[in-house]
């Protein structure tokens, strides 16, 4: 049983909705409200905007530059700071990426890099601009 007052919703019993992407309310009669939960398929999902090959290469370079212990997972969402990198380490990573991909990264762009994915996306952008 649910009751609605203004914009608040309260339930008489606990309700558990797992994997539900949609919640709709309808009123059959005045004073009675029905609650219907229905799953909605995901229309699209964007996990990475950079190429997988680029992300993998950046992961390898980051592992090497930061001397990441064997078995430590480094993926697109990994933040350099989570791996113990400071600003000097980040500069060294960017220099390694510039050398590997034969690109030049502007200082303002370099400062915006916080994750492997950020670096890979920027690299793909710079490489495609270089080839155009």
Protein backbone atom coordinates (compact mmCIF):
# COMPACT_ATOMS: atom_id res chain seq x y z
CA UNK A 1 0.00 0.00 0.00
CA UNK A 2 1.39 3.40 -0.96
CA UNK A 3 0.20 6.87 -0.14
CA UNK A 4 1.09 10.05 -1.97
CA UNK A 5 1.00 13.46 -0.33
CA UNK A 6 2.16 16.37 -2.44
CA UNK A 7 5.41 15.16 -3.96
CA UNK A 8 6.20 12.65 -1.21
CA UNK A 9 5.67 8.93 -1.54
CA UNK A 10 5.55 6.52 1.36
CA UNK A 11 5.07 2.77 1.47
CA UNK A 12 3.32 0.72 4.14
CA UNK A 13 5.72 -2.15 3.47
CA UNK A 14 9.32 -1.99 2.29
CA UNK A 15 9.60 -2.05 -1.48
CA UNK A 16 12.67 -3.35 -3.25
CA UNK A 17 13.14 -2.39 -6.89
CA UNK A 18 16.26 -3.85 -8.45
CA UNK A 19 17.17 -3.27 -12.07
CA UNK A 20 14.18 -1.02 -12.60
CA UNK A 21 14.70 1.92 -14.91
CA UNK A 22 11.14 3.22 -14.88
CA UNK A 23 8.64 4.12 -12.21
CA UNK A 24 5.15 5.27 -13.08
CA UNK A 25 2.11 6.31 -11.08
CA UNK A 26 -1.51 6.23 -12.12
CA UNK A 27 -4.69 7.00 -10.31
CA UNK A 28 -7.65 4.69 -10.92
CA UNK A 29 -10.03 6.66 -8.73
CA UNK A 30 -9.72 9.76 -6.68
CA UNK A 31 -7.73 8.99 -3.55
CA UNK A 32 -6.31 5.67 -4.78
CA UNK A 33 -2.96 5.53 -6.51
CA UNK A 34 -1.37 2.56 -8.19
CA UNK A 35 2.33 2.05 -8.46
CA UNK A 36 3.72 0.18 -11.43
CA UNK A 37 7.40 -0.70 -11.83
CA UNK A 38 8.51 -1.80 -15.23
CA UNK A 39 11.95 -2.39 -16.64
CA UNK A 40 12.98 -0.29 -19.59
CA UNK A 41 15.70 -1.58 -21.91
CA UNK A 42 18.79 0.59 -22.15
CA UNK A 43 18.69 2.53 -25.37
CA UNK A 44 22.43 2.99 -25.58
CA UNK A 45 25.49 2.92 -23.39
CA UNK A 46 28.79 4.66 -23.87
CA UNK A 47 31.61 3.06 -21.98
CA UNK A 48 34.60 4.41 -23.82
CA UNK A 49 35.05 7.06 -26.44
CA UNK A 50 38.64 6.03 -27.12
CA UNK A 51 39.74 3.02 -29.15
CA UNK A 52 40.42 -0.11 -27.12
CA UNK A 53 43.92 -0.39 -28.61
CA UNK A 54 44.71 3.15 -27.46
CA UNK A 55 43.38 2.50 -23.95
CA UNK A 56 45.46 -0.70 -23.72
CA UNK A 57 48.62 1.11 -24.87
CA UNK A 58 48.04 3.94 -22.40
CA UNK A 59 47.51 1.37 -19.61
CA UNK A 60 50.85 -0.24 -20.45
CA UNK A 61 52.66 3.12 -20.50
CA UNK A 62 51.08 4.17 -17.19
CA UNK A 63 52.06 0.86 -15.57
CA UNK A 64 55.63 1.29 -16.80
CA UNK A 65 55.95 4.99 -15.85
CA UNK A 66 54.52 4.51 -12.35
CA UNK A 67 56.16 1.11 -11.77
CA UNK A 68 52.75 -0.33 -10.89
CA UNK A 69 53.08 -3.65 -9.04
CA UNK A 70 52.28 -6.80 -11.01
CA UNK A 71 48.64 -7.79 -10.65
CA UNK A 72 47.38 -4.22 -10.11
CA UNK A 73 44.49 -3.61 -12.48
CA UNK A 74 44.75 -0.53 -14.67
CA UNK A 75 41.70 0.15 -16.86
CA UNK A 76 40.17 3.13 -18.66
CA UNK A 77 38.48 4.47 -15.53
CA UNK A 78 41.65 4.25 -13.43
CA UNK A 79 42.69 7.62 -12.05
CA UNK A 80 46.40 8.39 -12.02
CA UNK A 81 46.05 9.68 -8.46
CA UNK A 82 44.61 6.30 -7.38
CA UNK A 83 47.87 4.75 -8.57
CA UNK A 84 49.85 7.18 -6.43
CA UNK A 85 50.79 9.60 -9.20
CA UNK A 86 51.52 13.21 -8.35
CA UNK A 87 51.70 16.12 -10.81
CA UNK A 88 55.30 15.32 -11.77
CA UNK A 89 54.35 11.69 -12.48
CA UNK A 90 51.48 12.92 -14.66
CA UNK A 91 53.90 15.12 -16.64
CA UNK A 92 56.17 12.10 -17.16
CA UNK A 93 53.19 10.00 -18.28
CA UNK A 94 52.19 12.67 -20.80
CA UNK A 95 55.79 12.84 -22.08
CA UNK A 96 55.80 9.06 -22.50
CA UNK A 97 52.51 9.21 -24.37
CA UNK A 98 53.81 11.99 -26.64
CA UNK A 99 56.86 9.89 -27.48
CA UNK A 100 54.90 6.67 -28.05
CA UNK A 101 52.19 8.20 -30.22
CA UNK A 102 54.40 10.87 -31.85
CA UNK A 103 52.09 13.70 -30.81
CA UNK A 104 52.39 16.96 -28.94
CA UNK A 105 50.02 17.63 -26.04
CA UNK A 106 49.26 21.24 -25.10
CA UNK A 107 49.80 22.08 -21.44
CA UNK A 108 46.14 23.01 -20.95
CA UNK A 109 45.06 19.63 -22.37
CA UNK A 110 47.62 17.80 -20.26
CA UNK A 111 46.24 19.38 -17.09
CA UNK A 112 42.76 18.01 -17.90
CA UNK A 113 44.01 14.41 -17.95
CA UNK A 114 43.04 12.56 -14.77
CA UNK A 115 42.30 9.02 -15.99
CA UNK A 116 43.60 6.53 -18.52
CA UNK A 117 40.42 7.12 -20.54
CA UNK A 118 41.01 10.90 -20.57
CA UNK A 119 44.50 10.33 -21.94
CA UNK A 120 43.36 7.78 -24.54
CA UNK A 121 40.53 10.01 -25.76
CA UNK A 122 42.89 12.98 -26.13
CA UNK A 123 45.44 10.81 -27.96
CA UNK A 124 42.84 9.52 -30.42
CA UNK A 125 41.72 13.09 -31.05
CA UNK A 126 45.28 14.35 -31.62
CA UNK A 127 46.27 11.39 -33.80
CA UNK A 128 43.19 11.77 -36.02
CA UNK A 129 43.81 15.55 -36.30
CA UNK A 130 47.42 14.84 -37.24
CA UNK A 131 46.36 12.40 -39.96
CA UNK A 132 43.72 14.74 -41.41
